[in-house]
Each structure stands twice: as structure tokens, then as C-alpha cells.
Amino acid sequence: MPATDTLTDGQLITLPAEAGDVNAPRFEPNDDWLRGAAPEQQKTAMWRWFATRFEDPETAVPHDEQGGYVFTDGGPWLADEILHERFDAFVPAAVIDALVERLRQEVGNEWAKRRLDESGG
């Protein structure tokens, strides 16, 4: 899983409290805050939202005999479609596209659904 600073041009961005509960098992950003946030904060919030729901299939799903992924959750889930669907109303497309491009460079566009453990975390 890519580290946040690799997706925000080497910067480690700390989200303010108004961004949402960053400690929640499934981060849900405050959409009103997101609209007015700086692009790097927007990318960080989108990545936190995405990373609490999806993960790199390389380590998350079984592989077939040819080395391809065997998605057991209805995937693959496409980062570009998921991020645009969730954030187009709040974040400029160019900012979303920049995050998608970094995700493609780091992992690819296909992701597996992240499961929460039984304790909710």
C-alpha cells in the first residue's frame, strides 16, 4: 500500500479535525471542508477515504496459476471510477486525476475491497 507522502509529492499532510474523523475504521471526509481544502489536503483526504476501503490486490487476493488475481469480492475495483464517482462533486477533476495517476504508478488501477476485521477496525 502506498504511503501518503508518496501520493502527495513527498509531503506528509496532516488533516485538520474539520476534515473528518481520521481515526475511524472507514474515513469519511467532511464534504463541505473538502470543497475549500488545498489540493494536497484534498488528495490526502481522498487517499485516506480510498485506503480505508480498498487495498493492493497483490497481497490481498489469491492468484491463479498464471499469476493473475482472483477477485472474490466482485472486483477488480477501478480506482479512477471509484474516486471520480465519490469526489467529482467536491474536488476538481484535475486533482482527482493526479491522485489516480499516482495510484496507477504505485499499484495500478485495479484494487481489492478491504475488509474490516471483526472488531470493526
C-alpha atoms as a PDB file:
ATOM      1  CA  MET A   1       0.000   0.000   0.000  1.00  0.00           C
ATOM      2  CA  PRO A   2       1.497   3.356  -0.947  1.00  0.00           C
ATOM      3  CA  ALA A   3       2.392   5.731   1.853  1.00  0.00           C
ATOM      4  CA  THR A   4       0.527   9.026   1.880  1.00  0.00           C
ATOM      5  CA  ASP A   5       3.666  11.087   1.234  1.00  0.00           C
ATOM      6  CA  THR A   6       4.376   9.168  -1.987  1.00  0.00           C
ATOM      7  CA  LEU A   7       0.981  10.295  -3.265  1.00  0.00           C
ATOM      8  CA  THR A   8       1.300  13.945  -2.234  1.00  0.00           C
ATOM      9  CA  ASP A   9       4.619  14.819  -3.863  1.00  0.00           C
ATOM     10  CA  GLY A  10       6.777  13.905  -0.878  1.00  0.00           C
ATOM     11  CA  GLN A  11       4.794  15.931   1.648  1.00  0.00           C
ATOM     12  CA  LEU A  12       3.301  14.396   4.760  1.00  0.00           C
ATOM     13  CA  ILE A  13      -0.034  16.170   5.118  1.00  0.00           C
ATOM     14  CA  THR A  14      -1.884  16.156   8.431  1.00  0.00           C
ATOM     15  CA  LEU A  15      -5.608  16.661   8.056  1.00  0.00           C
ATOM     16  CA  PRO A  16      -7.314  19.088  10.436  1.00  0.00           C
ATOM     17  CA  ALA A  17     -10.134  17.976  12.726  1.00  0.00           C
ATOM     18  CA  GLU A  18     -12.695  19.607  10.426  1.00  0.00           C
ATOM     19  CA  ALA A  19     -11.694  17.161   7.664  1.00  0.00           C
ATOM     20  CA  GLY A  20     -13.427  14.303   9.487  1.00  0.00           C
ATOM     21  CA  ASP A  21     -12.589  11.550  11.951  1.00  0.00           C
ATOM     22  CA  VAL A  22      -9.226  10.349  10.652  1.00  0.00           C
ATOM     23  CA  ASN A  23      -9.199   7.538  13.223  1.00  0.00           C
ATOM     24  CA  ALA A  24     -12.458   5.963  12.029  1.00  0.00           C
ATOM     25  CA  PRO A  25     -12.115   2.487  10.503  1.00  0.00           C
ATOM     26  CA  ARG A  26     -13.693   3.916   7.350  1.00  0.00           C
ATOM     27  CA  PHE A  27     -12.673   7.555   6.982  1.00  0.00           C
ATOM     28  CA  GLU A  28     -15.464   9.749   5.655  1.00  0.00           C
ATOM     29  CA  PRO A  29     -14.308  13.291   4.830  1.00  0.00           C
ATOM     30  CA  ASN A  30     -16.478  16.303   5.543  1.00  0.00           C
ATOM     31  CA  ASP A  31     -17.592  17.274   2.045  1.00  0.00           C
ATOM     32  CA  ASP A  32     -18.034  20.956   2.941  1.00  0.00           C
ATOM     33  CA  TRP A  33     -14.450  21.089   4.229  1.00  0.00           C
ATOM     34  CA  LEU A  34     -13.213  19.160   1.207  1.00  0.00           C
ATOM     35  CA  ARG A  35     -14.597  21.747  -1.227  1.00  0.00           C
ATOM     36  CA  GLY A  36     -12.446  24.507   0.242  1.00  0.00           C
ATOM     37  CA  ALA A  37      -9.325  22.489   1.092  1.00  0.00           C
ATOM     38  CA  ALA A  38      -5.994  22.946  -0.651  1.00  0.00           C
ATOM     39  CA  PRO A  39      -5.304  20.403  -3.418  1.00  0.00           C
ATOM     40  CA  GLU A  40      -2.738  18.465  -1.339  1.00  0.00           C
ATOM     41  CA  GLN A  41      -5.230  18.220   1.530  1.00  0.00           C
ATOM     42  CA  GLN A  42      -7.891  17.063  -0.920  1.00  0.00           C
ATOM     43  CA  LYS A  43      -5.557  14.361  -2.254  1.00  0.00           C
ATOM     44  CA  THR A  44      -4.694  13.266   1.273  1.00  0.00           C
ATOM     45  CA  ALA A  45      -8.352  13.068   2.299  1.00  0.00           C
ATOM     46  CA  MET A  46      -9.309  11.181  -0.862  1.00  0.00           C
ATOM     47  CA  TRP A  47      -6.434   8.760  -0.354  1.00  0.00           C
ATOM     48  CA  ARG A  48      -7.394   8.163   3.293  1.00  0.00           C
ATOM     49  CA  TRP A  49     -11.005   7.528   2.214  1.00  0.00           C
ATOM     50  CA  PHE A  50      -9.886   5.161  -0.554  1.00  0.00           C
ATOM     51  CA  ALA A  51      -7.276   3.330   1.551  1.00  0.00           C
ATOM     52  CA  THR A  52      -9.818   2.555   4.268  1.00  0.00           C
ATOM     53  CA  ARG A  53     -11.978   0.803   1.664  1.00  0.00           C
ATOM     54  CA  PHE A  54      -9.595  -0.726  -0.898  1.00  0.00           C
ATOM     55  CA  GLU A  55      -6.179  -2.379  -0.906  1.00  0.00           C
ATOM     56  CA  ASP A  56      -3.441  -3.582  -3.227  1.00  0.00           C
ATOM     57  CA  PRO A  57      -4.602  -6.860  -4.757  1.00  0.00           C
ATOM     58  CA  GLU A  58      -1.031  -8.173  -4.831  1.00  0.00           C
ATOM     59  CA  THR A  59      -1.222  -9.040  -1.156  1.00  0.00           C
ATOM     60  CA  ALA A  60      -4.987  -9.051  -0.647  1.00  0.00           C
ATOM     61  CA  VAL A  61      -6.349 -11.634  -3.082  1.00  0.00           C
ATOM     62  CA  PRO A  62      -5.337 -15.107  -4.239  1.00  0.00           C
ATOM     63  CA  HIS A  63      -3.572 -15.604  -7.556  1.00  0.00           C
ATOM     64  CA  ASP A  64      -4.424 -18.095 -10.283  1.00  0.00           C
ATOM     65  CA  GLU A  65      -1.902 -20.477 -11.877  1.00  0.00           C
ATOM     66  CA  GLN A  66      -0.834 -17.807 -14.368  1.00  0.00           C
ATOM     67  CA  GLY A  67      -0.219 -15.263 -11.603  1.00  0.00           C
ATOM     68  CA  GLY A  68      -3.364 -13.239 -12.257  1.00  0.00           C
ATOM     69  CA  TYR A  69      -5.579 -12.022  -9.452  1.00  0.00           C
ATOM     70  CA  VAL A  70      -8.645 -13.999  -8.368  1.00  0.00           C
ATOM     71  CA  PHE A  71     -11.054 -11.389  -7.057  1.00  0.00           C
ATOM     72  CA  THR A  72     -13.545 -12.947  -4.668  1.00  0.00           C
ATOM     73  CA  ASP A  73     -15.398  -9.734  -3.822  1.00  0.00           C
ATOM     74  CA  GLY A  74     -16.773  -8.748  -7.218  1.00  0.00           C
ATOM     75  CA  GLY A  75     -13.633  -6.813  -8.120  1.00  0.00           C
ATOM     76  CA  PRO A  76     -11.462  -5.615  -9.532  1.00  0.00           C
ATOM     77  CA  TRP A  77     -12.458  -2.219  -8.263  1.00  0.00           C
ATOM     78  CA  LEU A  78     -11.147   0.567 -10.514  1.00  0.00           C
ATOM     79  CA  ALA A  79      -9.549   3.469  -8.676  1.00  0.00           C
ATOM     80  CA  ASP A  80     -10.356   6.027 -11.369  1.00  0.00           C
ATOM     81  CA  GLU A  81     -14.070   5.175 -11.430  1.00  0.00           C
ATOM     82  CA  ILE A  82     -14.413   4.928  -7.657  1.00  0.00           C
ATOM     83  CA  LEU A  83     -12.633   8.209  -6.893  1.00  0.00           C
ATOM     84  CA  HIS A  84     -14.439  10.191  -9.576  1.00  0.00           C
ATOM     85  CA  GLU A  85     -17.810   8.785  -8.533  1.00  0.00           C
ATOM     86  CA  ARG A  86     -17.267   9.733  -4.900  1.00  0.00           C
ATOM     87  CA  PHE A  87     -15.445  13.056  -5.252  1.00  0.00           C
ATOM     88  CA  ASP A  88     -16.367  14.758  -8.555  1.00  0.00           C
ATOM     89  CA  ALA A  89     -18.924  16.993  -6.804  1.00  0.00           C
ATOM     90  CA  PHE A  90     -16.360  18.299  -4.283  1.00  0.00           C
ATOM     91  CA  VAL A  91     -12.866  18.156  -5.813  1.00  0.00           C
ATOM     92  CA  PRO A  92     -11.639  19.423  -9.201  1.00  0.00           C
ATOM     93  CA  ALA A  93     -11.204  16.624 -11.742  1.00  0.00           C
ATOM     94  CA  ALA A  94      -7.529  17.534 -12.215  1.00  0.00           C
ATOM     95  CA  VAL A  95      -6.826  16.867  -8.508  1.00  0.00           C
ATOM     96  CA  ILE A  96      -8.629  13.524  -8.649  1.00  0.00           C
ATOM     97  CA  ASP A  97      -6.785  12.635 -11.858  1.00  0.00           C
ATOM     98  CA  ALA A  98      -3.442  13.466 -10.226  1.00  0.00           C
ATOM     99  CA  LEU A  99      -4.195  11.055  -7.374  1.00  0.00           C
ATOM    100  CA  VAL A 100      -5.405   8.374  -9.799  1.00  0.00           C
ATOM    101  CA  GLU A 101      -2.199   8.705 -11.822  1.00  0.00           C
ATOM    102  CA  ARG A 102      -0.057   8.260  -8.701  1.00  0.00           C
ATOM    103  CA  LEU A 103      -2.105   5.212  -7.682  1.00  0.00           C
ATOM    104  CA  ARG A 104      -1.617   3.736 -11.144  1.00  0.00           C
ATOM    105  CA  GLN A 105       2.133   4.294 -10.857  1.00  0.00           C
ATOM    106  CA  GLU A 106       2.332   2.722  -7.401  1.00  0.00           C
ATOM    107  CA  VAL A 107      -0.154  -0.177  -7.666  1.00  0.00           C
ATOM    108  CA  GLY A 108      -2.266   0.050 -10.815  1.00  0.00           C
ATOM    109  CA  ASN A 109      -5.899   0.910 -11.398  1.00  0.00           C
ATOM    110  CA  GLU A 110      -7.303  -2.426 -10.147  1.00  0.00           C
ATOM    111  CA  TRP A 111      -7.854  -2.739  -6.397  1.00  0.00           C
ATOM    112  CA  ALA A 112      -9.368  -5.234  -3.978  1.00  0.00           C
ATOM    113  CA  LYS A 113     -12.063  -4.375  -1.471  1.00  0.00           C
ATOM    114  CA  ARG A 114     -10.646  -4.007   2.059  1.00  0.00           C
ATOM    115  CA  ARG A 115     -12.430  -5.990   4.695  1.00  0.00           C
ATOM    116  CA  LEU A 116     -12.763  -4.715   8.248  1.00  0.00           C
ATOM    117  CA  ASP A 117     -11.723  -7.191  10.902  1.00  0.00           C
ATOM    118  CA  GLU A 118     -14.360  -8.488  13.291  1.00  0.00           C
ATOM    119  CA  SER A 119     -13.531  -5.893  15.933  1.00  0.00           C
ATOM    120  CA  GLY A 120     -14.578  -3.170  13.465  1.00  0.00           C
ATOM    121  CA  GLY A 121     -11.041  -1.921  12.838  1.00  0.00           C
END
